[in-house]
Amino acid sequence: MQNLKLIKEKVYEGYLLDNVKEVLGPKKFEEFENWIYGQTVGEYEGKILIYRIDLERFLNGLPVVD
C-alpha cells in the first residue's frame, strides 16, 4: 500500500493509526478494527502505532497472533 508511511525504530516498525485509516478507507478499516481488537499496539510520539507485522497479517488474510 503505497501511501503508508513506515516508522522504523530500534525495536519495532509500524504505521500510525491515522495513516492506516486513511489508506484503508472506511469499510476496510472497520474490518481491520474488528480484526485487531484486543491486540497490543504501540505508541509513537503520543499516537497509536500499528505494528507492521500485524497490518501485513491482516492484509494477507491471516489470523491475529496472541
N, C-alpha and C. Protein backbone atom coordinates (compact mmCIF):
# COMPACT_ATOMS: atom_id res chain seq x y z
N MET A 1 0.85 -1.17 0.00
CA MET A 1 0.00 0.00 0.00
C MET A 1 0.90 1.23 0.00
N GLN A 2 0.83 1.88 -1.09
CA GLN A 2 1.77 2.93 -1.43
C GLN A 2 1.84 4.10 -0.45
N ASN A 3 0.73 4.55 0.08
CA ASN A 3 0.71 5.76 0.89
C ASN A 3 0.94 5.51 2.38
N LEU A 4 1.26 4.28 2.76
CA LEU A 4 1.59 4.00 4.16
C LEU A 4 2.98 4.52 4.45
N LYS A 5 3.12 5.18 5.59
CA LYS A 5 4.40 5.76 5.98
C LYS A 5 4.99 4.91 7.12
N LEU A 6 5.95 4.07 6.79
CA LEU A 6 6.55 3.16 7.77
C LEU A 6 7.45 3.93 8.73
N ILE A 7 7.23 3.69 10.02
CA ILE A 7 8.05 4.27 11.08
C ILE A 7 8.95 3.16 11.59
N LYS A 8 10.26 3.40 11.53
CA LYS A 8 11.22 2.40 11.97
C LYS A 8 11.95 2.90 13.21
N GLU A 9 11.84 2.14 14.27
CA GLU A 9 12.58 2.40 15.50
C GLU A 9 13.48 1.19 15.74
N LYS A 10 14.32 1.28 16.74
CA LYS A 10 15.26 0.19 17.01
C LYS A 10 14.56 -1.14 17.31
N VAL A 11 13.43 -1.08 18.00
CA VAL A 11 12.78 -2.32 18.45
C VAL A 11 11.46 -2.63 17.75
N TYR A 12 10.98 -1.75 16.89
CA TYR A 12 9.73 -2.02 16.20
C TYR A 12 9.61 -1.22 14.91
N GLU A 13 8.67 -1.66 14.07
CA GLU A 13 8.31 -0.94 12.85
C GLU A 13 6.79 -0.91 12.80
N GLY A 14 6.24 0.18 12.34
CA GLY A 14 4.80 0.23 12.24
C GLY A 14 4.30 1.48 11.55
N TYR A 15 2.97 1.64 11.62
CA TYR A 15 2.28 2.73 10.95
C TYR A 15 1.36 3.42 11.95
N LEU A 16 1.26 4.74 11.86
CA LEU A 16 0.33 5.44 12.72
C LEU A 16 -1.11 5.06 12.35
N LEU A 17 -1.93 4.94 13.36
CA LEU A 17 -3.32 4.53 13.15
C LEU A 17 -4.04 5.44 12.16
N ASP A 18 -3.84 6.73 12.26
CA ASP A 18 -4.49 7.66 11.33
C ASP A 18 -4.08 7.40 9.89
N ASN A 19 -2.82 7.05 9.67
CA ASN A 19 -2.33 6.75 8.32
C ASN A 19 -2.98 5.47 7.80
N VAL A 20 -3.08 4.46 8.66
CA VAL A 20 -3.72 3.20 8.28
C VAL A 20 -5.18 3.44 7.92
N LYS A 21 -5.87 4.23 8.73
CA LYS A 21 -7.29 4.53 8.50
C LYS A 21 -7.47 5.25 7.16
N GLU A 22 -6.61 6.20 6.89
CA GLU A 22 -6.69 6.96 5.64
C GLU A 22 -6.47 6.06 4.42
N VAL A 23 -5.48 5.19 4.49
CA VAL A 23 -5.13 4.34 3.36
C VAL A 23 -6.16 3.24 3.14
N LEU A 24 -6.65 2.63 4.20
CA LEU A 24 -7.60 1.53 4.05
C LEU A 24 -8.99 1.98 3.63
N GLY A 25 -9.37 3.17 4.02
CA GLY A 25 -10.72 3.63 3.73
C GLY A 25 -11.70 3.10 4.78
N PRO A 26 -12.89 3.67 4.85
CA PRO A 26 -13.83 3.35 5.93
C PRO A 26 -14.22 1.88 6.06
N LYS A 27 -14.60 1.23 4.99
CA LYS A 27 -15.08 -0.16 5.07
C LYS A 27 -13.96 -1.12 5.48
N LYS A 28 -12.83 -1.03 4.81
CA LYS A 28 -11.70 -1.92 5.11
C LYS A 28 -11.14 -1.63 6.50
N PHE A 29 -11.14 -0.35 6.90
CA PHE A 29 -10.65 0.00 8.23
C PHE A 29 -11.54 -0.60 9.32
N GLU A 30 -12.85 -0.61 9.09
CA GLU A 30 -13.76 -1.23 10.06
C GLU A 30 -13.44 -2.72 10.21
N GLU A 31 -13.17 -3.38 9.10
CA GLU A 31 -12.76 -4.80 9.15
C GLU A 31 -11.47 -4.94 9.95
N PHE A 32 -10.53 -4.04 9.71
CA PHE A 32 -9.24 -4.08 10.42
C PHE A 32 -9.45 -3.87 11.92
N GLU A 33 -10.29 -2.90 12.29
CA GLU A 33 -10.57 -2.65 13.71
C GLU A 33 -11.12 -3.90 14.39
N ASN A 34 -12.03 -4.58 13.73
CA ASN A 34 -12.59 -5.82 14.30
C ASN A 34 -11.52 -6.89 14.40
N TRP A 35 -10.66 -6.97 13.41
CA TRP A 35 -9.61 -7.98 13.37
C TRP A 35 -8.60 -7.76 14.49
N ILE A 36 -8.20 -6.51 14.71
CA ILE A 36 -7.12 -6.22 15.67
C ILE A 36 -7.62 -5.99 17.09
N TYR A 37 -8.93 -5.95 17.28
CA TYR A 37 -9.49 -5.68 18.60
C TYR A 37 -8.87 -6.59 19.66
N GLY A 38 -8.39 -5.99 20.74
CA GLY A 38 -7.81 -6.73 21.85
C GLY A 38 -6.33 -7.03 21.69
N GLN A 39 -5.75 -6.66 20.56
CA GLN A 39 -4.32 -6.91 20.35
C GLN A 39 -3.50 -5.72 20.85
N THR A 40 -2.24 -5.97 21.07
CA THR A 40 -1.33 -4.93 21.53
C THR A 40 -0.96 -4.02 20.37
N VAL A 41 -0.97 -2.73 20.64
CA VAL A 41 -0.49 -1.75 19.68
C VAL A 41 0.61 -0.95 20.37
N GLY A 42 1.34 -0.18 19.60
CA GLY A 42 2.42 0.62 20.16
C GLY A 42 2.03 2.08 20.27
N GLU A 43 3.02 2.87 20.65
CA GLU A 43 2.84 4.31 20.75
C GLU A 43 4.06 4.97 20.15
N TYR A 44 3.83 6.00 19.36
CA TYR A 44 4.91 6.76 18.74
C TYR A 44 4.54 8.23 18.83
N GLU A 45 5.34 8.98 19.56
CA GLU A 45 5.11 10.42 19.75
C GLU A 45 3.68 10.70 20.20
N GLY A 46 3.18 9.88 21.10
CA GLY A 46 1.86 10.08 21.68
C GLY A 46 0.70 9.60 20.83
N LYS A 47 1.00 8.96 19.71
CA LYS A 47 -0.05 8.47 18.81
C LYS A 47 -0.01 6.95 18.74
N ILE A 48 -1.15 6.34 18.40
CA ILE A 48 -1.24 4.88 18.31
C ILE A 48 -0.48 4.39 17.09
N LEU A 49 0.34 3.39 17.30
CA LEU A 49 1.13 2.79 16.24
C LEU A 49 0.70 1.34 16.03
N ILE A 50 0.37 1.01 14.81
CA ILE A 50 0.01 -0.35 14.44
C ILE A 50 1.28 -1.04 13.96
N TYR A 51 1.63 -2.15 14.56
CA TYR A 51 2.86 -2.85 14.16
C TYR A 51 2.77 -3.35 12.73
N ARG A 52 3.85 -3.22 12.02
CA ARG A 52 3.94 -3.61 10.61
C ARG A 52 3.47 -5.03 10.40
N ILE A 53 3.93 -5.94 11.23
CA ILE A 53 3.60 -7.36 11.06
C ILE A 53 2.10 -7.59 11.22
N ASP A 54 1.45 -6.86 12.12
CA ASP A 54 0.00 -7.02 12.31
C ASP A 54 -0.75 -6.56 11.07
N LEU A 55 -0.39 -5.42 10.53
CA LEU A 55 -1.08 -4.94 9.33
C LEU A 55 -0.84 -5.89 8.16
N GLU A 56 0.36 -6.40 8.04
CA GLU A 56 0.65 -7.36 6.96
C GLU A 56 -0.18 -8.62 7.11
N ARG A 57 -0.33 -9.11 8.34
CA ARG A 57 -1.13 -10.32 8.57
C ARG A 57 -2.59 -10.06 8.17
N PHE A 58 -3.12 -8.91 8.54
CA PHE A 58 -4.49 -8.56 8.18
C PHE A 58 -4.65 -8.52 6.67
N LEU A 59 -3.76 -7.82 6.00
CA LEU A 59 -3.87 -7.67 4.55
C LEU A 59 -3.72 -9.01 3.81
N ASN A 60 -3.02 -9.96 4.43
CA ASN A 60 -2.84 -11.28 3.83
C ASN A 60 -3.89 -12.28 4.28
N GLY A 61 -4.90 -11.82 5.04
CA GLY A 61 -5.99 -12.69 5.47
C GLY A 61 -5.61 -13.70 6.52
N LEU A 62 -4.55 -13.41 7.29
CA LEU A 62 -4.11 -14.33 8.34
C LEU A 62 -4.73 -13.94 9.69
N PRO A 63 -4.82 -14.89 10.61
CA PRO A 63 -5.38 -14.57 11.93
C PRO A 63 -4.40 -13.75 12.77
N VAL A 64 -4.94 -13.15 13.82
CA VAL A 64 -4.08 -12.42 14.76
C VAL A 64 -3.20 -13.41 15.50
N VAL A 65 -2.10 -12.91 16.02
CA VAL A 65 -1.20 -13.75 16.81
C VAL A 65 -1.25 -13.23 18.24
N ASP A 66 -1.65 -14.10 19.17
CA ASP A 66 -1.71 -13.68 20.58
C ASP A 66 -0.36 -13.75 21.23
